[in-house]
């Protein structure tokens, strides 16, 4: 959820920067969006590793 939150807040900052012609706000918004995308990707990767590890452990214990 933190990833999605950062993506949404970042987009809002980017849009605000566009409206106010504030390039630093636009850039900060884009960076926050990238941070959110990275958080989401890492969360999915972690869940995938856990699932695969559990499957391996299960197959070894059978």
Foldseek 3Di string as FASTA:
>chain_A
DQLVVLLVVLVVQLVVCVVVVNVVSNVSSVVSNVVSVVVVVVVVVVVVVVVVVVVVVVVVVD
